[in-house]
Every structure is written in C-alpha cells, then in structure tokens.
Amino acid sequence: VQLVESGGGLVQPGGSLRLSCAASGSIFSISNMGWYRQAPGKQRELVATISSGGSTFYLDPMEGRFTISRNNAQNTVYLQMNNLEPEDTAIYYCNAEIKTSTSYIFESYWGQGTQVTVSS
C-alpha cells in the first residue's frame, strides 16, 4: 500500500493550496483518512480527519480555514487550505487506516509528506 501526496508549494499569506493524497495497492477497505503536519522543531500534529461516512474533525486553529474531503471511489483525500498564515508552514502528511486484501485489521499508513511554505 502506498499513499502519495501532492499539491504542496510556496504561497503568500492569505493564499490557498489544495493538497491531495491517493492511496493505492491491495486495498480492501479504508476507514479514517486524515492530514497531519510537522513544523521545524515541533512535534507532528493532527490537522483534520474524515471518516468513511464523511464525518469530519478539525484541530481548532484550522477549523473555518481548512476543509477536508474524500473520494471513496478513488481512495483519495483532499485538504483545501484557505487564508494561509506563516504559522501553517510545515510538512503535511497524509494518513489512512487501511485493511488490505490479506489483513484482518485496519492498519495505519503514512505518505511521504509534502512541503507547504507560507511566506511573502
């Protein structure tokens, strides 16, 4: 199983970016999907999660500026980020709880990360 993120980059304060993460491989089912981020010198933190049924959760500072969504048919999760601030600068990681065709339980998988830099 692989998770591949895309969509990061450099953006000015107040700008927007849309991150995508596609899961591929021997996938039987995907439960929760989410985005985490890690800024330099800080621990990785949760940004947002979305269940297979579409229920969402956001860390407080992101709610209202970030929107998580998913396409179950394409095993893809998105993060629309608006009104970005320099404090949002970090590596953003995709996470998914996946049951493969050979496993009995859901296991956590991570993408390689995509850099988001907010700077003028």
PDB file of N, CA and C in Angstrom:
ATOM      1  N   VAL A   1       0.851  -1.195   0.000  1.00  0.00           N
ATOM      2  CA  VAL A   1       0.000   0.000   0.000  1.00  0.00           C
ATOM      3  C   VAL A   1       0.885   1.242   0.000  1.00  0.00           C
ATOM      4  N   GLN A   2       0.506   2.211  -0.812  1.00  0.00           N
ATOM      5  CA  GLN A   2       1.232   3.491  -0.869  1.00  0.00           C
ATOM      6  C   GLN A   2       0.267   4.646  -0.753  1.00  0.00           C
ATOM      7  N   LEU A   3       0.693   5.683  -0.056  1.00  0.00           N
ATOM      8  CA  LEU A   3      -0.025   6.944  -0.017  1.00  0.00           C
ATOM      9  C   LEU A   3       0.881   7.991  -0.652  1.00  0.00           C
ATOM     10  N   VAL A   4       0.386   8.673  -1.656  1.00  0.00           N
ATOM     11  CA  VAL A   4       1.189   9.665  -2.364  1.00  0.00           C
ATOM     12  C   VAL A   4       0.488  11.013  -2.293  1.00  0.00           C
ATOM     13  N   GLU A   5       1.184  11.984  -1.662  1.00  0.00           N
ATOM     14  CA  GLU A   5       0.625  13.332  -1.537  1.00  0.00           C
ATOM     15  C   GLU A   5       1.102  14.202  -2.685  1.00  0.00           C
ATOM     16  N   SER A   6       0.330  15.225  -2.973  1.00  0.00           N
ATOM     17  CA  SER A   6       0.715  16.235  -3.960  1.00  0.00           C
ATOM     18  C   SER A   6       0.009  17.534  -3.629  1.00  0.00           C
ATOM     19  N   GLY A   7       0.497  18.621  -4.228  1.00  0.00           N
ATOM     20  CA  GLY A   7      -0.191  19.897  -4.086  1.00  0.00           C
ATOM     21  C   GLY A   7       0.485  20.901  -3.177  1.00  0.00           C
ATOM     22  N   GLY A   8       1.576  20.527  -2.529  1.00  0.00           N
ATOM     23  CA  GLY A   8       2.267  21.479  -1.682  1.00  0.00           C
ATOM     24  C   GLY A   8       3.016  22.511  -2.509  1.00  0.00           C
ATOM     25  N   GLY A   9       3.588  23.501  -1.803  1.00  0.00           N
ATOM     26  CA  GLY A   9       4.339  24.513  -2.517  1.00  0.00           C
ATOM     27  C   GLY A   9       4.482  25.767  -1.695  1.00  0.00           C
ATOM     28  N   LEU A  10       4.901  26.835  -2.373  1.00  0.00           N
ATOM     29  CA  LEU A  10       5.095  28.144  -1.746  1.00  0.00           C
ATOM     30  C   LEU A  10       3.899  29.024  -2.066  1.00  0.00           C
ATOM     31  N   VAL A  11       3.346  29.656  -1.050  1.00  0.00           N
ATOM     32  CA  VAL A  11       2.197  30.533  -1.239  1.00  0.00           C
ATOM     33  C   VAL A  11       2.333  31.733  -0.319  1.00  0.00           C
ATOM     34  N   GLN A  12       1.797  32.858  -0.739  1.00  0.00           N
ATOM     35  CA  GLN A  12       1.840  34.061   0.075  1.00  0.00           C
ATOM     36  C   GLN A  12       0.786  33.999   1.180  1.00  0.00           C
ATOM     37  N   PRO A  13       1.006  34.720   2.276  1.00  0.00           N
ATOM     38  CA  PRO A  13      -0.025  34.789   3.318  1.00  0.00           C
ATOM     39  C   PRO A  13      -1.360  35.228   2.746  1.00  0.00           C
ATOM     40  N   GLY A  14      -2.407  34.555   3.191  1.00  0.00           N
ATOM     41  CA  GLY A  14      -3.736  34.823   2.667  1.00  0.00           C
ATOM     42  C   GLY A  14      -4.095  33.980   1.460  1.00  0.00           C
ATOM     43  N   GLY A  15      -3.125  33.261   0.928  1.00  0.00           N
ATOM     44  CA  GLY A  15      -3.359  32.440  -0.252  1.00  0.00           C
ATOM     45  C   GLY A  15      -3.960  31.089   0.068  1.00  0.00           C
ATOM     46  N   SER A  16      -4.139  30.270  -0.977  1.00  0.00           N
ATOM     47  CA  SER A  16      -4.776  28.960  -0.835  1.00  0.00           C
ATOM     48  C   SER A  16      -3.942  27.886  -1.501  1.00  0.00           C
ATOM     49  N   LEU A  17      -4.078  26.682  -0.989  1.00  0.00           N
ATOM     50  CA  LEU A  17      -3.493  25.496  -1.593  1.00  0.00           C
ATOM     51  C   LEU A  17      -4.462  24.340  -1.396  1.00  0.00           C
ATOM     52  N   ARG A  18      -4.407  23.374  -2.303  1.00  0.00           N
ATOM     53  CA  ARG A  18      -5.207  22.163  -2.171  1.00  0.00           C
ATOM     54  C   ARG A  18      -4.277  20.967  -2.218  1.00  0.00           C
ATOM     55  N   LEU A  19      -4.228  20.219  -1.138  1.00  0.00           N
ATOM     56  CA  LEU A  19      -3.421  19.015  -1.073  1.00  0.00           C
ATOM     57  C   LEU A  19      -4.270  17.802  -1.452  1.00  0.00           C
ATOM     58  N   SER A  20      -3.629  16.852  -2.111  1.00  0.00           N
ATOM     59  CA  SER A  20      -4.287  15.592  -2.464  1.00  0.00           C
ATOM     60  C   SER A  20      -3.438  14.432  -1.972  1.00  0.00           C
ATOM     61  N   CYS A  21      -4.097  13.329  -1.660  1.00  0.00           N
ATOM     62  CA  CYS A  21      -3.388  12.120  -1.240  1.00  0.00           C
ATOM     63  C   CYS A  21      -4.146  10.922  -1.796  1.00  0.00           C
ATOM     64  N   ALA A  22      -3.466  10.145  -2.613  1.00  0.00           N
ATOM     65  CA  ALA A  22      -4.081   8.970  -3.225  1.00  0.00           C
ATOM     66  C   ALA A  22      -3.480   7.701  -2.657  1.00  0.00           C
ATOM     67  N   ALA A  23      -4.341   6.800  -2.232  1.00  0.00           N
ATOM     68  CA  ALA A  23      -3.907   5.502  -1.720  1.00  0.00           C
ATOM     69  C   ALA A  23      -4.017   4.469  -2.831  1.00  0.00           C
ATOM     70  N   SER A  24      -3.004   3.613  -2.923  1.00  0.00           N
ATOM     71  CA  SER A  24      -3.010   2.583  -3.957  1.00  0.00           C
ATOM     72  C   SER A  24      -2.409   1.291  -3.403  1.00  0.00           C
ATOM     73  N   GLY A  25      -2.665   0.199  -4.099  1.00  0.00           N
ATOM     74  CA  GLY A  25      -2.165  -1.100  -3.665  1.00  0.00           C
ATOM     75  C   GLY A  25      -3.304  -2.072  -3.447  1.00  0.00           C
ATOM     76  N   SER A  26      -3.034  -3.113  -2.676  1.00  0.00           N
ATOM     77  CA  SER A  26      -4.025  -4.155  -2.422  1.00  0.00           C
ATOM     78  C   SER A  26      -4.964  -3.728  -1.299  1.00  0.00           C
ATOM     79  N   ILE A  27      -5.814  -2.761  -1.603  1.00  0.00           N
ATOM     80  CA  ILE A  27      -6.709  -2.168  -0.614  1.00  0.00           C
ATOM     81  C   ILE A  27      -8.050  -2.854  -0.645  1.00  0.00           C
ATOM     82  N   PHE A  28      -8.477  -3.326   0.527  1.00  0.00           N
ATOM     83  CA  PHE A  28      -9.813  -3.899   0.644  1.00  0.00           C
ATOM     84  C   PHE A  28     -10.799  -2.849   1.138  1.00  0.00           C
ATOM     85  N   SER A  29     -10.360  -2.078   2.136  1.00  0.00           N
ATOM     86  CA  SER A  29     -11.249  -1.066   2.713  1.00  0.00           C
ATOM     87  C   SER A  29     -10.421   0.015   3.394  1.00  0.00           C
ATOM     88  N   ILE A  30     -10.925   1.250   3.361  1.00  0.00           N
ATOM     89  CA  ILE A  30     -10.282   2.360   4.060  1.00  0.00           C
ATOM     90  C   ILE A  30     -11.251   2.933   5.074  1.00  0.00           C
ATOM     91  N   SER A  31     -10.802   3.074   6.299  1.00  0.00           N
ATOM     92  CA  SER A  31     -11.621   3.675   7.347  1.00  0.00           C
ATOM     93  C   SER A  31     -11.338   5.172   7.389  1.00  0.00           C
ATOM     94  N   ASN A  32     -10.788   5.650   8.483  1.00  0.00           N
ATOM     95  CA  ASN A  32     -10.492   7.076   8.594  1.00  0.00           C
ATOM     96  C   ASN A  32      -9.306   7.477   7.727  1.00  0.00           C
ATOM     97  N   MET A  33      -9.377   8.688   7.206  1.00  0.00           N
ATOM     98  CA  MET A  33      -8.253   9.309   6.497  1.00  0.00           C
ATOM     99  C   MET A  33      -8.022  10.675   7.134  1.00  0.00           C
ATOM    100  N   GLY A  34      -6.785  11.151   7.071  1.00  0.00           N
ATOM    101  CA  GLY A  34      -6.524  12.418   7.729  1.00  0.00           C
ATOM    102  C   GLY A  34      -5.247  13.079   7.266  1.00  0.00           C
ATOM    103  N   TRP A  35      -5.095  14.293   7.724  1.00  0.00           N
ATOM    104  CA  TRP A  35      -3.898  15.083   7.452  1.00  0.00           C
ATOM    105  C   TRP A  35      -3.259  15.494   8.771  1.00  0.00           C
ATOM    106  N   TYR A  36      -1.943  15.389   8.821  1.00  0.00           N
ATOM    107  CA  TYR A  36      -1.139  15.827   9.946  1.00  0.00           C
ATOM    108  C   TYR A  36      -0.074  16.770   9.393  1.00  0.00           C
ATOM    109  N   ARG A  37       0.541  17.533  10.285  1.00  0.00           N
ATOM    110  CA  ARG A  37       1.623  18.389   9.827  1.00  0.00           C
ATOM    111  C   ARG A  37       2.717  18.464  10.886  1.00  0.00           C
ATOM    112  N   GLN A  38       3.917  18.746  10.427  1.00  0.00           N
ATOM    113  CA  GLN A  38       5.047  18.883  11.334  1.00  0.00           C
ATOM    114  C   GLN A  38       5.884  20.075  10.906  1.00  0.00           C
ATOM    115  N   ALA A  39       5.927  21.070  11.778  1.00  0.00           N
ATOM    116  CA  ALA A  39       6.748  22.254  11.539  1.00  0.00           C
ATOM    117  C   ALA A  39       8.153  22.006  12.079  1.00  0.00           C
ATOM    118  N   PRO A  40       9.140  22.744  11.597  1.00  0.00           N
ATOM    119  CA  PRO A  40      10.524  22.555  12.080  1.00  0.00           C
ATOM    120  C   PRO A  40      10.613  22.702  13.593  1.00  0.00           C
ATOM    121  N   GLY A  41      11.238  21.731  14.233  1.00  0.00           N
ATOM    122  CA  GLY A  41      11.434  21.792  15.675  1.00  0.00           C
ATOM    123  C   GLY A  41      10.199  21.474  16.498  1.00  0.00           C
ATOM    124  N   LYS A  42       9.124  21.073  15.844  1.00  0.00           N
ATOM    125  CA  LYS A  42       7.880  20.768  16.574  1.00  0.00           C
ATOM    126  C   LYS A  42       7.445  19.343  16.320  1.00  0.00           C
ATOM    127  N   GLN A  43       6.547  18.867  17.185  1.00  0.00           N
ATOM    128  CA  GLN A  43       6.010  17.522  17.002  1.00  0.00           C
ATOM    129  C   GLN A  43       4.954  17.523  15.912  1.00  0.00           C
ATOM    130  N   ARG A  44       4.766  16.350  15.333  1.00  0.00           N
ATOM    131  CA  ARG A  44       3.705  16.208  14.350  1.00  0.00           C
ATOM    132  C   ARG A  44       2.364  16.388  15.051  1.00  0.00           C
ATOM    133  N   GLU A  45       1.452  17.133  14.390  1.00  0.00           N
ATOM    134  CA  GLU A  45       0.146  17.388  14.989  1.00  0.00           C
ATOM    135  C   GLU A  45      -0.965  17.081  13.992  1.00  0.00           C
ATOM    136  N   LEU A  46      -2.108  16.739  14.535  1.00  0.00           N
ATOM    137  CA  LEU A  46      -3.286  16.470  13.724  1.00  0.00           C
ATOM    138  C   LEU A  46      -3.799  17.767  13.115  1.00  0.00           C
ATOM    139  N   VAL A  47      -4.209  17.705  11.864  1.00  0.00           N
ATOM    140  CA  VAL A  47      -4.851  18.845  11.208  1.00  0.00           C
ATOM    141  C   VAL A  47      -6.349  18.572  11.087  1.00  0.00           C
ATOM    142  N   ALA A  48      -6.694  17.456  10.459  1.00  0.00           N
ATOM    143  CA  ALA A  48      -8.098  17.118  10.243  1.00  0.00           C
ATOM    144  C   ALA A  48      -8.225  15.647   9.895  1.00  0.00           C
ATOM    145  N   THR A  49      -9.387  15.077  10.212  1.00  0.00           N
ATOM    146  CA  THR A  49      -9.676  13.697   9.828  1.00  0.00           C
ATOM    147  C   THR A  49     -11.067  13.621   9.219  1.00  0.00           C
ATOM    148  N   ILE A  50     -11.283  12.556   8.438  1.00  0.00           N
ATOM    149  CA  ILE A  50     -12.586  12.323   7.847  1.00  0.00           C
ATOM    150  C   ILE A  50     -12.843  10.821   7.849  1.00  0.00           C
ATOM    151  N   SER A  51     -14.042  10.435   8.274  1.00  0.00           N
ATOM    152  CA  SER A  51     -14.394   9.026   8.307  1.00  0.00           C
ATOM    153  C   SER A  51     -14.857   8.566   6.926  1.00  0.00           C
ATOM    154  N   SER A  52     -15.051   7.265   6.800  1.00  0.00           N
ATOM    155  CA  SER A  52     -15.526   6.736   5.526  1.00  0.00           C
ATOM    156  C   SER A  52     -16.926   7.243   5.206  1.00  0.00           C
ATOM    157  N   GLY A  53     -17.670   7.614   6.240  1.00  0.00           N
ATOM    158  CA  GLY A  53     -19.008   8.142   6.033  1.00  0.00           C
ATOM    159  C   GLY A  53     -19.055   9.644   5.848  1.00  0.00           C
ATOM    160  N   GLY A  54     -17.889  10.303   5.969  1.00  0.00           N
ATOM    161  CA  GLY A  54     -17.829  11.739   5.712  1.00  0.00           C
ATOM    162  C   GLY A  54     -17.825  12.622   6.950  1.00  0.00           C
ATOM    163  N   SER A  55     -17.828  12.035   8.130  1.00  0.00           N
ATOM    164  CA  SER A  55     -17.746  12.850   9.350  1.00  0.00           C
ATOM    165  C   SER A  55     -16.347  13.421   9.491  1.00  0.00           C
ATOM    166  N   THR A  56     -16.285  14.715   9.836  1.00  0.00           N
ATOM    167  CA  THR A  56     -15.000  15.404   9.869  1.00  0.00           C
ATOM    168  C   THR A  56     -14.666  15.916  11.262  1.00  0.00           C
ATOM    169  N   PHE A  57     -13.377  16.081  11.502  1.00  0.00           N
ATOM    170  CA  PHE A  57     -12.876  16.664  12.742  1.00  0.00           C
ATOM    171  C   PHE A  57     -11.702  17.550  12.379  1.00  0.00           C
ATOM    172  N   TYR A  58     -11.638  18.729  13.006  1.00  0.00           N
ATOM    173  CA  TYR A  58     -10.535  19.660  12.765  1.00  0.00           C
ATOM    174  C   TYR A  58      -9.917  20.102  14.082  1.00  0.00           C
ATOM    175  N   LEU A  59      -8.615  20.286  14.059  1.00  0.00           N
ATOM    176  CA  LEU A  59      -7.977  20.949  15.176  1.00  0.00           C
ATOM    177  C   LEU A  59      -8.444  22.405  15.136  1.00  0.00           C
ATOM    178  N   ASP A  60      -8.711  22.979  16.306  1.00  0.00           N
ATOM    179  CA  ASP A  60      -9.356  24.297  16.377  1.00  0.00           C
ATOM    180  C   ASP A  60      -8.773  25.379  15.464  1.00  0.00           C
ATOM    181  N   PRO A  61      -7.461  25.601  15.439  1.00  0.00           N
ATOM    182  CA  PRO A  61      -6.945  26.703  14.619  1.00  0.00           C
ATOM    183  C   PRO A  61      -7.220  26.557  13.130  1.00  0.00           C
ATOM    184  N   MET A  62      -7.512  25.331  12.658  1.00  0.00           N
ATOM    185  CA  MET A  62      -7.723  25.111  11.243  1.00  0.00           C
ATOM    186  C   MET A  62      -9.196  25.198  10.863  1.00  0.00           C
ATOM    187  N   GLU A  63     -10.077  25.022  11.846  1.00  0.00           N
ATOM    188  CA  GLU A  63     -11.488  24.991  11.501  1.00  0.00           C
ATOM    189  C   GLU A  63     -11.917  26.333  10.950  1.00  0.00           C
ATOM    190  N   GLY A  64     -12.616  26.294   9.834  1.00  0.00           N
ATOM    191  CA  GLY A  64     -13.035  27.519   9.168  1.00  0.00           C
ATOM    192  C   GLY A  64     -12.097  27.941   8.056  1.00  0.00           C
ATOM    193  N   ARG A  65     -10.836  27.537   8.133  1.00  0.00           N
ATOM    194  CA  ARG A  65      -9.891  27.871   7.059  1.00  0.00           C
ATOM    195  C   ARG A  65      -9.571  26.645   6.201  1.00  0.00           C
ATOM    196  N   PHE A  66      -9.577  25.471   6.822  1.00  0.00           N
ATOM    197  CA  PHE A  66      -9.247  24.236   6.117  1.00  0.00           C
ATOM    198  C   PHE A  66     -10.502  23.384   5.946  1.00  0.00           C
ATOM    199  N   THR A  67     -10.570  22.667   4.827  1.00  0.00           N
ATOM    200  CA  THR A  67     -11.674  21.745   4.582  1.00  0.00           C
ATOM    201  C   THR A  67     -11.117  20.417   4.091  1.00  0.00           C
ATOM    202  N   ILE A  68     -11.454  19.348   4.800  1.00  0.00           N
ATOM    203  CA  ILE A  68     -11.038  18.011   4.392  1.00  0.00           C
ATOM    204  C   ILE A  68     -12.192  17.340   3.671  1.00  0.00           C
ATOM    205  N   SER A  69     -11.872  16.602   2.619  1.00  0.00           N
ATOM    206  CA  SER A  69     -12.888  15.857   1.876  1.00  0.00           C
ATOM    207  C   SER A  69     -12.234  14.593   1.320  1.00  0.00           C
ATOM    208  N   ARG A  70     -13.061  13.685   0.813  1.00  0.00           N
ATOM    209  CA  ARG A  70     -12.509  12.454   0.260  1.00  0.00           C
ATOM    210  C   ARG A  70     -13.378  11.924  -0.870  1.00  0.00           C
ATOM    211  N   ASN A  71     -12.751  11.159  -1.731  1.00  0.00           N
ATOM    212  CA  ASN A  71     -13.441  10.466  -2.808  1.00  0.00           C
ATOM    213  C   ASN A  71     -13.210   8.984  -2.566  1.00  0.00           C
ATOM    214  N   ASN A  72     -14.215   8.310  -2.051  1.00  0.00           N
ATOM    215  CA  ASN A  72     -14.041   6.902  -1.680  1.00  0.00           C
ATOM    216  C   ASN A  72     -13.793   6.015  -2.912  1.00  0.00           C
ATOM    217  N   ALA A  73     -14.389   6.362  -4.018  1.00  0.00           N
ATOM    218  CA  ALA A  73     -14.209   5.547  -5.224  1.00  0.00           C
ATOM    219  C   ALA A  73     -12.775   5.593  -5.735  1.00  0.00           C
ATOM    220  N   GLN A  74     -12.095   6.713  -5.456  1.00  0.00           N
ATOM    221  CA  GLN A  74     -10.715   6.882  -5.921  1.00  0.00           C
ATOM    222  C   GLN A  74      -9.705   6.753  -4.792  1.00  0.00           C
ATOM    223  N   ASN A  75     -10.160   6.393  -3.589  1.00  0.00           N
ATOM    224  CA  ASN A  75      -9.259   6.232  -2.428  1.00  0.00           C
ATOM    225  C   ASN A  75      -8.391   7.471  -2.225  1.00  0.00           C
ATOM    226  N   THR A  76      -9.015   8.620  -2.316  1.00  0.00           N
ATOM    227  CA  THR A  76      -8.278   9.883  -2.265  1.00  0.00           C
ATOM    228  C   THR A  76      -8.861  10.795  -1.203  1.00  0.00           C
ATOM    229  N   VAL A  77      -7.970  11.508  -0.514  1.00  0.00           N
ATOM    230  CA  VAL A  77      -8.387  12.506   0.460  1.00  0.00           C
ATOM    231  C   VAL A  77      -7.761  13.836   0.076  1.00  0.00           C
ATOM    232  N   TYR A  78      -8.498  14.906   0.336  1.00  0.00           N
ATOM    233  CA  TYR A  78      -8.061  16.249  -0.037  1.00  0.00           C
ATOM    234  C   TYR A  78      -8.044  17.152   1.193  1.00  0.00           C
ATOM    235  N   LEU A  79      -7.226  18.192   1.112  1.00  0.00           N
ATOM    236  CA  LEU A  79      -7.233  19.230   2.131  1.00  0.00           C
ATOM    237  C   LEU A  79      -7.178  20.581   1.421  1.00  0.00           C
ATOM    238  N   GLN A  80      -8.290  21.284   1.444  1.00  0.00           N
ATOM    239  CA  GLN A  80      -8.349  22.638   0.892  1.00  0.00           C
ATOM    240  C   GLN A  80      -7.963  23.604   2.004  1.00  0.00           C
ATOM    241  N   MET A  81      -6.923  24.371   1.769  1.00  0.00           N
ATOM    242  CA  MET A  81      -6.420  25.296   2.778  1.00  0.00           C
ATOM    243  C   MET A  81      -6.551  26.718   2.257  1.00  0.00           C
ATOM    244  N   ASN A  82      -7.326  27.530   2.964  1.00  0.00           N
ATOM    245  CA  ASN A  82      -7.558  28.919   2.579  1.00  0.00           C
ATOM    246  C   ASN A  82      -7.011  29.857   3.646  1.00  0.00           C
ATOM    247  N   ASN A  83      -6.806  31.112   3.248  1.00  0.00           N
ATOM    248  CA  ASN A  83      -6.328  32.129   4.187  1.00  0.00           C
ATOM    249  C   ASN A  83      -5.113  31.627   4.967  1.00  0.00           C
ATOM    250  N   LEU A  84      -4.145  31.123   4.253  1.00  0.00           N
ATOM    251  CA  LEU A  84      -2.973  30.533   4.883  1.00  0.00           C
ATOM    252  C   LEU A  84      -2.138  31.581   5.604  1.00  0.00           C
ATOM    253  N   GLU A  85      -1.537  31.138   6.702  1.00  0.00           N
ATOM    254  CA  GLU A  85      -0.723  32.007   7.548  1.00  0.00           C
ATOM    255  C   GLU A  85       0.694  31.436   7.610  1.00  0.00           C
ATOM    256  N   PRO A  86       1.681  32.279   7.890  1.00  0.00           N
ATOM    257  CA  PRO A  86       3.049  31.753   8.007  1.00  0.00           C
ATOM    258  C   PRO A  86       3.161  30.607   9.002  1.00  0.00           C
ATOM    259  N   GLU A  87       2.319  30.629  10.034  1.00  0.00           N
ATOM    260  CA  GLU A  87       2.338  29.559  11.040  1.00  0.00           C
ATOM    261  C   GLU A  87       1.871  28.220  10.482  1.00  0.00           C
ATOM    262  N   ASP A  88       1.288  28.214   9.307  1.00  0.00           N
ATOM    263  CA  ASP A  88       0.863  26.968   8.673  1.00  0.00           C
ATOM    264  C   ASP A  88       2.015  26.285   7.931  1.00  0.00           C
ATOM    265  N   THR A  89       3.158  26.934   7.873  1.00  0.00           N
ATOM    266  CA  THR A  89       4.317  26.347   7.207  1.00  0.00           C
ATOM    267  C   THR A  89       4.735  25.060   7.910  1.00  0.00           C
ATOM    268  N   ALA A  90       4.791  23.974   7.141  1.00  0.00           N
ATOM    269  CA  ALA A  90       5.105  22.664   7.710  1.00  0.00           C
ATOM    270  C   ALA A  90       5.163  21.638   6.586  1.00  0.00           C
ATOM    271  N   ILE A  91       5.608  20.449   6.942  1.00  0.00           N
ATOM    272  CA  ILE A  91       5.433  19.304   6.060  1.00  0.00           C
ATOM    273  C   ILE A  91       4.087  18.679   6.417  1.00  0.00           C
ATOM    274  N   TYR A  92       3.261  18.480   5.420  1.00  0.00           N
ATOM    275  CA  TYR A  92       1.926  17.913   5.627  1.00  0.00           C
ATOM    276  C   TYR A  92       1.937  16.442   5.211  1.00  0.00           C
ATOM    277  N   TYR A  93       1.450  15.602   6.112  1.00  0.00           N
ATOM    278  CA  TYR A  93       1.451  14.155   5.896  1.00  0.00           C
ATOM    279  C   TYR A  93       0.010  13.636   5.819  1.00  0.00           C
ATOM    280  N   CYS A  94      -0.200  12.725   4.909  1.00  0.00           N
ATOM    281  CA  CYS A  94      -1.468  12.028   4.777  1.00  0.00           C
ATOM    282  C   CYS A  94      -1.414  10.736   5.588  1.00  0.00           C
ATOM    283  N   ASN A  95      -2.529  10.397   6.205  1.00  0.00           N
ATOM    284  CA  ASN A  95      -2.635   9.162   6.974  1.00  0.00           C
ATOM    285  C   ASN A  95      -3.938   8.462   6.623  1.00  0.00           C
ATOM    286  N   ALA A  96      -3.907   7.149   6.573  1.00  0.00           N
ATOM    287  CA  ALA A  96      -5.128   6.392   6.304  1.00  0.00           C
ATOM    288  C   ALA A  96      -5.103   5.076   7.049  1.00  0.00           C
ATOM    289  N   GLU A  97      -6.255   4.688   7.540  1.00  0.00           N
ATOM    290  CA  GLU A  97      -6.414   3.383   8.197  1.00  0.00           C
ATOM    291  C   GLU A  97      -6.974   2.424   7.156  1.00  0.00           C
ATOM    292  N   ILE A  98      -6.143   1.446   6.784  1.00  0.00           N
ATOM    293  CA  ILE A  98      -6.443   0.610   5.622  1.00  0.00           C
ATOM    294  C   ILE A  98      -6.427  -0.867   5.990  1.00  0.00           C
ATOM    295  N   LYS A  99      -7.425  -1.570   5.490  1.00  0.00           N
ATOM    296  CA  LYS A  99      -7.432  -3.035   5.575  1.00  0.00           C
ATOM    297  C   LYS A  99      -7.082  -3.540   4.180  1.00  0.00           C
ATOM    298  N   THR A 100      -6.015  -4.306   4.099  1.00  0.00           N
ATOM    299  CA  THR A 100      -5.612  -4.823   2.802  1.00  0.00           C
ATOM    300  C   THR A 100      -6.336  -6.128   2.510  1.00  0.00           C
ATOM    301  N   SER A 101      -6.099  -6.641   1.344  1.00  0.00           N
ATOM    302  CA  SER A 101      -6.758  -7.882   0.938  1.00  0.00           C
ATOM    303  C   SER A 101      -6.252  -9.080   1.725  1.00  0.00           C
ATOM    304  N   THR A 102      -5.129  -8.921   2.459  1.00  0.00           N
ATOM    305  CA  THR A 102      -4.558 -10.039   3.213  1.00  0.00           C
ATOM    306  C   THR A 102      -4.562  -9.808   4.723  1.00  0.00           C
ATOM    307  N   SER A 103      -5.136  -8.720   5.185  1.00  0.00           N
ATOM    308  CA  SER A 103      -5.129  -8.425   6.618  1.00  0.00           C
ATOM    309  C   SER A 103      -6.538  -8.535   7.203  1.00  0.00           C
ATOM    310  N   TYR A 104      -6.589  -8.746   8.518  1.00  0.00           N
ATOM    311  CA  TYR A 104      -7.867  -8.853   9.216  1.00  0.00           C
ATOM    312  C   TYR A 104      -8.217  -7.584   9.975  1.00  0.00           C
ATOM    313  N   ILE A 105      -7.244  -6.681  10.089  1.00  0.00           N
ATOM    314  CA  ILE A 105      -7.459  -5.459  10.841  1.00  0.00           C
ATOM    315  C   ILE A 105      -7.067  -4.250   9.993  1.00  0.00           C
ATOM    316  N   PHE A 106      -7.530  -3.077  10.439  1.00  0.00           N
ATOM    317  CA  PHE A 106      -7.113  -1.832   9.810  1.00  0.00           C
ATOM    318  C   PHE A 106      -5.743  -1.446  10.371  1.00  0.00           C
ATOM    319  N   GLU A 107      -4.837  -1.073   9.478  1.00  0.00           N
ATOM    320  CA  GLU A 107      -3.511  -0.626   9.873  1.00  0.00           C
ATOM    321  C   GLU A 107      -3.285   0.799   9.386  1.00  0.00           C
ATOM    322  N   SER A 108      -2.422   1.521  10.097  1.00  0.00           N
ATOM    323  CA  SER A 108      -2.163   2.928   9.769  1.00  0.00           C
ATOM    324  C   SER A 108      -1.031   3.046   8.765  1.00  0.00           C
ATOM    325  N   TYR A 109      -1.284   3.792   7.712  1.00  0.00           N
ATOM    326  CA  TYR A 109      -0.286   4.051   6.678  1.00  0.00           C
ATOM    327  C   TYR A 109      -0.072   5.545   6.548  1.00  0.00           C
ATOM    328  N   TRP A 110       1.172   5.909   6.198  1.00  0.00           N
ATOM    329  CA  TRP A 110       1.541   7.322   6.051  1.00  0.00           C
ATOM    330  C   TRP A 110       2.116   7.596   4.665  1.00  0.00           C
ATOM    331  N   GLY A 111       1.860   8.797   4.200  1.00  0.00           N
ATOM    332  CA  GLY A 111       2.513   9.263   2.991  1.00  0.00           C
ATOM    333  C   GLY A 111       3.892   9.825   3.308  1.00  0.00           C
ATOM    334  N   GLN A 112       4.596  10.248   2.266  1.00  0.00           N
ATOM    335  CA  GLN A 112       5.968  10.717   2.432  1.00  0.00           C
ATOM    336  C   GLN A 112       6.023  12.180   2.857  1.00  0.00           C
ATOM    337  N   GLY A 113       4.925  12.881   2.751  1.00  0.00           N
ATOM    338  CA  GLY A 113       4.873  14.280   3.147  1.00  0.00           C
ATOM    339  C   GLY A 113       5.045  15.222   1.974  1.00  0.00           C
ATOM    340  N   THR A 114       4.417  16.377   2.088  1.00  0.00           N
ATOM    341  CA  THR A 114       4.555  17.426   1.073  1.00  0.00           C
ATOM    342  C   THR A 114       4.761  18.762   1.800  1.00  0.00           C
ATOM    343  N   GLN A 115       5.722  19.532   1.321  1.00  0.00           N
ATOM    344  CA  GLN A 115       6.085  20.787   1.993  1.00  0.00           C
ATOM    345  C   GLN A 115       5.110  21.900   1.623  1.00  0.00           C
ATOM    346  N   VAL A 116       4.637  22.592   2.637  1.00  0.00           N
ATOM    347  CA  VAL A 116       3.828  23.803   2.450  1.00  0.00           C
ATOM    348  C   VAL A 116       4.580  24.949   3.117  1.00  0.00           C
ATOM    349  N   THR A 117       4.875  25.973   2.341  1.00  0.00           N
ATOM    350  CA  THR A 117       5.574  27.143   2.860  1.00  0.00           C
ATOM    351  C   THR A 117       4.735  28.383   2.595  1.00  0.00           C
ATOM    352  N   VAL A 118       4.429  29.110   3.666  1.00  0.00           N
ATOM    353  CA  VAL A 118       3.630  30.336   3.553  1.00  0.00           C
ATOM    354  C   VAL A 118       4.543  31.505   3.896  1.00  0.00           C
ATOM    355  N   SER A 119       4.849  32.285   2.888  1.00  0.00           N
ATOM    356  CA  SER A 119       5.807  33.377   3.072  1.00  0.00           C
ATOM    357  C   SER A 119       5.619  34.418   1.990  1.00  0.00           C
ATOM    358  N   SER A 120       5.884  35.666   2.364  1.00  0.00           N
ATOM    359  CA  SER A 120       5.827  36.745   1.378  1.00  0.00           C
ATOM    360  C   SER A 120       7.213  36.983   0.776  1.00  0.00           C
TER     361      SER A 120
END
